C-alpha atoms as a PDB file:
ATOM      1  CA  MET A   1       6.615 -34.608   1.044  1.00  0.00           C
ATOM      2  CA  ASP A   2       4.847 -36.211   4.093  1.00  0.00           C
ATOM      3  CA  MET A   3       1.953 -34.730   5.981  1.00  0.00           C
ATOM      4  CA  ASP A   4       4.165 -33.462   8.848  1.00  0.00           C
ATOM      5  CA  GLU A   5       6.359 -31.459   6.314  1.00  0.00           C
ATOM      6  CA  ILE A   6       3.110 -30.011   4.653  1.00  0.00           C
ATOM      7  CA  MET A   7       1.628 -28.956   7.963  1.00  0.00           C
ATOM      8  CA  ARG A   8       5.077 -27.361   9.026  1.00  0.00           C
ATOM      9  CA  ARG A   9       5.185 -25.387   5.700  1.00  0.00           C
ATOM     10  CA  ALA A  10       1.568 -24.284   6.161  1.00  0.00           C
ATOM     11  CA  ARG A  11       2.299 -22.972   9.628  1.00  0.00           C
ATOM     12  CA  GLU A  12       5.412 -21.301   8.306  1.00  0.00           C
ATOM     13  CA  ALA A  13       3.535 -19.703   5.501  1.00  0.00           C
ATOM     14  CA  GLN A  14       0.713 -18.438   7.962  1.00  0.00           C
ATOM     15  CA  GLU A  15       3.473 -16.888  10.259  1.00  0.00           C
ATOM     16  CA  LYS A  16       5.208 -15.230   7.472  1.00  0.00           C
ATOM     17  CA  ALA A  17       1.835 -13.925   6.233  1.00  0.00           C
ATOM     18  CA  GLN A  18       0.956 -12.492   9.611  1.00  0.00           C
ATOM     19  CA  GLU A  19       4.410 -10.829   9.831  1.00  0.00           C
ATOM     20  CA  MET A  20       3.963  -9.416   6.426  1.00  0.00           C
ATOM     21  CA  GLN A  21       0.569  -7.839   7.456  1.00  0.00           C
ATOM     22  CA  ARG A  22       2.181  -6.274  10.466  1.00  0.00           C
ATOM     23  CA  GLN A  23       5.013  -4.891   8.296  1.00  0.00           C
ATOM     24  CA  ILE A  24       2.460  -3.528   5.647  1.00  0.00           C
ATOM     25  CA  ALA A  25       0.437  -1.886   8.336  1.00  0.00           C
ATOM     26  CA  SER A  26       3.577   0.136   9.390  1.00  0.00           C
ATOM     27  CA  VAL A  27       4.162   1.339   5.796  1.00  0.00           C
ATOM     28  CA  THR A  28       3.187   4.882   4.768  1.00  0.00           C
ATOM     29  CA  ILE A  29       2.925   5.915   1.049  1.00  0.00           C
ATOM     30  CA  GLU A  30       2.602   9.357  -0.278  1.00  0.00           C
ATOM     31  CA  GLY A  31       0.720  10.280  -3.301  1.00  0.00           C
ATOM     32  CA  GLN A  32       0.613  13.581  -5.139  1.00  0.00           C
ATOM     33  CA  ALA A  33      -1.308  15.485  -7.798  1.00  0.00           C
ATOM     34  CA  GLY A  34      -0.778  18.898  -9.595  1.00  0.00           C
ATOM     35  CA  GLY A  35       2.969  18.601  -9.630  1.00  0.00           C
ATOM     36  CA  GLY A  36       3.007  18.075  -5.720  1.00  0.00           C
ATOM     37  CA  ILE A  37       0.810  20.970  -4.824  1.00  0.00           C
ATOM     38  CA  VAL A  38      -1.546  18.419  -3.207  1.00  0.00           C
ATOM     39  CA  ARG A  39      -0.134  15.367  -1.284  1.00  0.00           C
ATOM     40  CA  VAL A  40      -1.741  12.677   0.717  1.00  0.00           C
ATOM     41  CA  THR A  41      -0.348  10.041   2.839  1.00  0.00           C
ATOM     42  CA  LEU A  42      -1.853   6.562   3.273  1.00  0.00           C
ATOM     43  CA  SER A  43      -1.094   3.889   5.795  1.00  0.00           C
ATOM     44  CA  GLY A  44      -0.494   0.309   4.745  1.00  0.00           C
ATOM     45  CA  LYS A  45      -4.007  -0.380   5.859  1.00  0.00           C
ATOM     46  CA  ASN A  46      -5.209   2.092   3.180  1.00  0.00           C
ATOM     47  CA  GLU A  47      -6.120   4.819   5.809  1.00  0.00           C
ATOM     48  CA  LEU A  48      -5.842   8.458   4.802  1.00  0.00           C
ATOM     49  CA  LYS A  49      -3.465   9.740   7.362  1.00  0.00           C
ATOM     50  CA  LYS A  50      -2.418  13.342   6.083  1.00  0.00           C
ATOM     51  CA  VAL A  51      -3.461  15.802   3.366  1.00  0.00           C
ATOM     52  CA  ALA A  52      -0.952  18.674   2.503  1.00  0.00           C
ATOM     53  CA  ILE A  53      -2.237  21.428   0.308  1.00  0.00           C
ATOM     54  CA  ASP A  54      -0.094  24.202  -1.193  1.00  0.00           C
ATOM     55  CA  PRO A  55      -1.359  27.594   0.168  1.00  0.00           C
ATOM     56  CA  SER A  56      -1.785  28.888  -3.337  1.00  0.00           C
ATOM     57  CA  LEU A  57      -4.845  26.658  -3.796  1.00  0.00           C
ATOM     58  CA  MET A  58      -6.726  28.081  -0.884  1.00  0.00           C
ATOM     59  CA  ALA A  59      -8.686  30.590  -2.920  1.00  0.00           C
ATOM     60  CA  ALA A  60     -12.418  30.035  -2.947  1.00  0.00           C
ATOM     61  CA  SER A  61     -12.460  29.976  -6.747  1.00  0.00           C
ATOM     62  CA  GLU A  62     -10.067  27.059  -6.652  1.00  0.00           C
ATOM     63  CA  ARG A  63     -12.114  24.789  -4.522  1.00  0.00           C
ATOM     64  CA  GLU A  64     -13.487  22.368  -7.273  1.00  0.00           C
ATOM     65  CA  ILE A  65      -9.825  22.017  -8.622  1.00  0.00           C
ATOM     66  CA  LEU A  66      -8.475  21.332  -5.004  1.00  0.00           C
ATOM     67  CA  GLU A  67     -11.126  18.581  -4.422  1.00  0.00           C
ATOM     68  CA  ASP A  68     -10.246  16.999  -7.750  1.00  0.00           C
ATOM     69  CA  LEU A  69      -6.613  17.027  -6.945  1.00  0.00           C
ATOM     70  CA  ILE A  70      -7.100  15.513  -3.387  1.00  0.00           C
ATOM     71  CA  VAL A  71      -8.925  12.693  -5.097  1.00  0.00           C
ATOM     72  CA  ALA A  72      -6.030  12.296  -7.801  1.00  0.00           C
ATOM     73  CA  ALA A  73      -3.408  12.435  -4.945  1.00  0.00           C
ATOM     74  CA  HIS A  74      -5.272   9.608  -3.044  1.00  0.00           C
ATOM     75  CA  ALA A  75      -5.573   7.518  -6.248  1.00  0.00           C
ATOM     76  CA  ASP A  76      -1.762   7.919  -6.747  1.00  0.00           C
ATOM     77  CA  ALA A  77      -1.005   6.863  -3.186  1.00  0.00           C
ATOM     78  CA  LYS A  78      -3.384   3.882  -3.392  1.00  0.00           C
ATOM     79  CA  ALA A  79      -1.785   2.732  -6.701  1.00  0.00           C
ATOM     80  CA  LYS A  80       1.587   2.887  -5.113  1.00  0.00           C
ATOM     81  CA  LEU A  81       0.415   1.058  -2.052  1.00  0.00           C
ATOM     82  CA  ASP A  82      -1.131  -1.661  -4.231  1.00  0.00           C
ATOM     83  CA  VAL A  83       2.329  -2.129  -6.061  1.00  0.00           C
ATOM     84  CA  ARG A  84       4.177  -2.341  -2.720  1.00  0.00           C
ATOM     85  CA  ILE A  85       1.878  -4.941  -1.325  1.00  0.00           C
ATOM     86  CA  ALA A  86       2.147  -6.918  -4.408  1.00  0.00           C
ATOM     87  CA  GLU A  87       6.007  -6.792  -4.209  1.00  0.00           C
ATOM     88  CA  GLU A  88       5.999  -7.919  -0.545  1.00  0.00           C
ATOM     89  CA  MET A  89       3.681 -10.788  -1.267  1.00  0.00           C
ATOM     90  CA  ALA A  90       5.877 -11.914  -4.193  1.00  0.00           C
ATOM     91  CA  LYS A  91       8.953 -11.736  -1.896  1.00  0.00           C
ATOM     92  CA  MET A  92       7.108 -13.883   0.699  1.00  0.00           C
ATOM     93  CA  ALA A  93       5.891 -16.455  -1.763  1.00  0.00           C
ATOM     94  CA  SER A  94       9.462 -16.660  -3.258  1.00  0.00           C
ATOM     95  CA  ALA A  95      10.886 -17.147   0.241  1.00  0.00           C
ATOM     96  CA  LEU A  96       8.481 -19.992   0.962  1.00  0.00           C
ATOM     97  CA  GLY A  97       9.424 -21.637  -2.370  1.00  0.00           C
ATOM     98  CA  LEU A  98       6.028 -20.991  -3.809  1.00  0.00           C
ATOM     99  CA  PRO A  99       5.730 -20.858  -7.708  1.00  0.00           C
ATOM    100  CA  PRO A 100       5.507 -17.309  -9.173  1.00  0.00           C
ATOM    101  CA  GLY A 101       1.946 -16.053  -9.203  1.00  0.00           C
ATOM    102  CA  PHE A 102       0.797 -18.097  -6.408  1.00  0.00           C
ATOM    103  CA  GLY A 103      -1.672 -16.134  -4.356  1.00  0.00           C
ATOM    104  CA  LEU A 104      -1.472 -15.921  -0.524  1.00  0.00           C
END
């Protein structure tokens, strides 16, 4: 492979990485806890966009449980987002002909 080909492939990889970042930014992932009574939505940029709480948890005596469930729902959404990003990165690496496990 000559230097021009290497540079062309590097530019192509950079363009694809930028496109993937734009796509990931538009993704939303929902996490849940307590069997779905607390749900959070994260953007692809890991921004908390929405919290949905079942009205049954609104009693003052349930505050600590509610706080714990929000944290758990956020962790669930974050884990799902991390998996989604890893899948997209693997697809992009494969499309560029890079070996499995090659980090971008």
